[in-house]
């Protein structure tokens, strides 16, 4: 199971924004940007396998 974090409320008429970090990163790299985007959208940040909190 991949580690992820959700920001904002789900919007029934909008697709969520899904953010995946780059090489050697983690979902925490996107925390401040995700909080800003979450004022208008549901945002999901993901740690890919063997990065951040994902096994």
N, C-alpha and C. Protein backbone atom coordinates (compact mmCIF):
# COMPACT_ATOMS: atom_id res chain seq x y z
N UNK A 1 0.85 -1.17 0.00
CA UNK A 1 0.00 0.00 0.00
C UNK A 1 0.89 1.24 0.00
N UNK A 2 0.62 2.15 -0.89
CA UNK A 2 1.39 3.39 -0.96
C UNK A 2 0.90 4.38 0.09
N UNK A 3 1.81 5.16 0.61
CA UNK A 3 1.46 6.21 1.55
C UNK A 3 0.95 7.42 0.77
N UNK A 4 -0.13 8.03 1.26
CA UNK A 4 -0.69 9.21 0.59
C UNK A 4 -1.29 10.15 1.62
N UNK A 5 -1.54 11.37 1.20
CA UNK A 5 -2.19 12.36 2.06
C UNK A 5 -3.19 13.14 1.21
N UNK A 6 -4.37 13.36 1.79
CA UNK A 6 -5.42 14.11 1.10
C UNK A 6 -5.54 15.50 1.71
N UNK A 7 -5.73 16.47 0.86
CA UNK A 7 -5.92 17.86 1.27
C UNK A 7 -7.25 18.34 0.70
N UNK A 8 -7.94 19.19 1.42
CA UNK A 8 -9.20 19.75 0.92
C UNK A 8 -10.33 18.75 0.99
N UNK A 9 -11.49 19.21 0.57
CA UNK A 9 -12.69 18.38 0.57
C UNK A 9 -12.92 17.80 -0.82
N UNK A 10 -13.41 16.56 -0.90
CA UNK A 10 -13.75 16.01 -2.22
C UNK A 10 -14.80 16.86 -2.91
N UNK A 11 -14.59 17.14 -4.17
CA UNK A 11 -15.54 17.91 -4.98
C UNK A 11 -16.21 16.94 -5.94
N UNK A 12 -17.53 16.85 -5.88
CA UNK A 12 -18.24 15.85 -6.67
C UNK A 12 -18.16 16.12 -8.16
N UNK A 13 -17.99 17.36 -8.57
CA UNK A 13 -17.97 17.69 -9.99
C UNK A 13 -16.57 17.88 -10.55
N UNK A 14 -15.56 17.75 -9.72
CA UNK A 14 -14.18 17.94 -10.18
C UNK A 14 -13.35 16.70 -9.89
N UNK A 15 -12.42 16.42 -10.77
CA UNK A 15 -11.45 15.36 -10.51
C UNK A 15 -10.42 15.90 -9.52
N UNK A 16 -9.89 15.05 -8.63
CA UNK A 16 -8.85 15.53 -7.72
C UNK A 16 -7.55 15.77 -8.47
N UNK A 17 -6.71 16.60 -7.90
CA UNK A 17 -5.35 16.79 -8.40
C UNK A 17 -4.47 15.77 -7.67
N UNK A 18 -3.77 14.93 -8.42
CA UNK A 18 -2.89 13.93 -7.84
C UNK A 18 -1.45 14.35 -8.13
N UNK A 19 -0.65 14.47 -7.06
CA UNK A 19 0.73 14.92 -7.20
C UNK A 19 1.66 13.78 -6.78
N UNK A 20 2.59 13.46 -7.67
CA UNK A 20 3.60 12.43 -7.39
C UNK A 20 4.97 13.10 -7.43
N UNK A 21 5.75 12.89 -6.39
CA UNK A 21 7.07 13.53 -6.27
C UNK A 21 8.04 13.04 -7.32
N UNK A 22 9.16 13.73 -7.44
CA UNK A 22 10.22 13.34 -8.37
C UNK A 22 11.24 12.42 -7.70
N UNK A 23 12.32 12.18 -8.40
CA UNK A 23 13.39 11.30 -7.94
C UNK A 23 13.91 11.75 -6.58
N UNK A 24 14.04 10.82 -5.66
CA UNK A 24 14.56 11.04 -4.30
C UNK A 24 13.69 11.96 -3.46
N UNK A 25 12.45 12.18 -3.85
CA UNK A 25 11.55 13.04 -3.09
C UNK A 25 10.57 12.25 -2.26
N UNK A 26 9.60 12.98 -1.71
CA UNK A 26 8.50 12.38 -0.97
C UNK A 26 7.29 13.30 -1.08
N UNK A 27 6.16 12.82 -0.61
CA UNK A 27 4.94 13.63 -0.69
C UNK A 27 5.08 14.92 0.12
N UNK A 28 5.94 14.93 1.10
CA UNK A 28 6.13 16.12 1.93
C UNK A 28 6.73 17.29 1.15
N UNK A 29 7.43 17.00 0.04
CA UNK A 29 7.99 18.07 -0.80
C UNK A 29 6.89 18.96 -1.35
N UNK A 30 5.68 18.44 -1.46
CA UNK A 30 4.55 19.16 -2.08
C UNK A 30 3.56 19.71 -1.05
N UNK A 31 3.87 19.61 0.23
CA UNK A 31 2.93 20.00 1.29
C UNK A 31 2.42 21.44 1.14
N UNK A 32 3.30 22.42 1.02
CA UNK A 32 2.85 23.82 0.96
C UNK A 32 2.05 24.11 -0.30
N UNK A 33 2.45 23.54 -1.44
CA UNK A 33 1.70 23.75 -2.68
C UNK A 33 0.34 23.05 -2.60
N UNK A 34 0.31 21.86 -2.01
CA UNK A 34 -0.96 21.13 -1.88
C UNK A 34 -1.94 21.90 -1.01
N UNK A 35 -1.46 22.52 0.07
CA UNK A 35 -2.35 23.32 0.92
C UNK A 35 -2.94 24.49 0.15
N UNK A 36 -2.15 25.15 -0.67
CA UNK A 36 -2.67 26.26 -1.47
C UNK A 36 -3.69 25.79 -2.50
N UNK A 37 -3.39 24.71 -3.20
CA UNK A 37 -4.32 24.17 -4.19
C UNK A 37 -5.61 23.67 -3.55
N UNK A 38 -5.53 23.20 -2.30
CA UNK A 38 -6.68 22.62 -1.62
C UNK A 38 -7.76 23.65 -1.29
N UNK A 39 -7.47 24.93 -1.43
CA UNK A 39 -8.52 25.92 -1.21
C UNK A 39 -9.57 25.86 -2.31
N UNK A 40 -9.21 25.31 -3.48
CA UNK A 40 -10.13 25.22 -4.61
C UNK A 40 -10.36 23.80 -5.13
N UNK A 41 -9.49 22.85 -4.73
CA UNK A 41 -9.53 21.50 -5.29
C UNK A 41 -9.23 20.48 -4.20
N UNK A 42 -9.65 19.25 -4.44
CA UNK A 42 -9.17 18.15 -3.62
C UNK A 42 -7.80 17.77 -4.17
N UNK A 43 -6.81 17.60 -3.29
CA UNK A 43 -5.44 17.28 -3.71
C UNK A 43 -5.00 16.02 -2.98
N UNK A 44 -4.36 15.12 -3.71
CA UNK A 44 -3.81 13.90 -3.13
C UNK A 44 -2.33 13.84 -3.48
N UNK A 45 -1.48 13.74 -2.45
CA UNK A 45 -0.04 13.57 -2.68
C UNK A 45 0.32 12.13 -2.33
N UNK A 46 1.23 11.54 -3.11
CA UNK A 46 1.55 10.12 -2.98
C UNK A 46 3.06 9.94 -2.85
N UNK A 47 3.46 9.04 -1.93
CA UNK A 47 4.84 8.56 -1.88
C UNK A 47 4.92 7.30 -2.72
N UNK A 48 5.75 7.30 -3.77
CA UNK A 48 5.90 6.09 -4.58
C UNK A 48 6.66 5.03 -3.78
N UNK A 49 6.67 3.82 -4.28
CA UNK A 49 7.28 2.70 -3.58
C UNK A 49 8.74 3.00 -3.21
N UNK A 50 9.09 2.65 -1.98
CA UNK A 50 10.45 2.82 -1.42
C UNK A 50 10.87 4.28 -1.27
N UNK A 51 9.91 5.19 -1.19
CA UNK A 51 10.19 6.60 -0.94
C UNK A 51 9.28 7.08 0.20
N UNK A 52 9.77 8.07 0.95
CA UNK A 52 8.96 8.63 2.03
C UNK A 52 8.46 7.55 2.97
N UNK A 53 7.15 7.49 3.17
CA UNK A 53 6.56 6.52 4.10
C UNK A 53 6.00 5.28 3.41
N UNK A 54 6.23 5.14 2.12
CA UNK A 54 5.76 3.93 1.41
C UNK A 54 6.79 2.81 1.54
N UNK A 55 6.29 1.60 1.77
CA UNK A 55 7.23 0.46 1.90
C UNK A 55 7.85 0.08 0.55
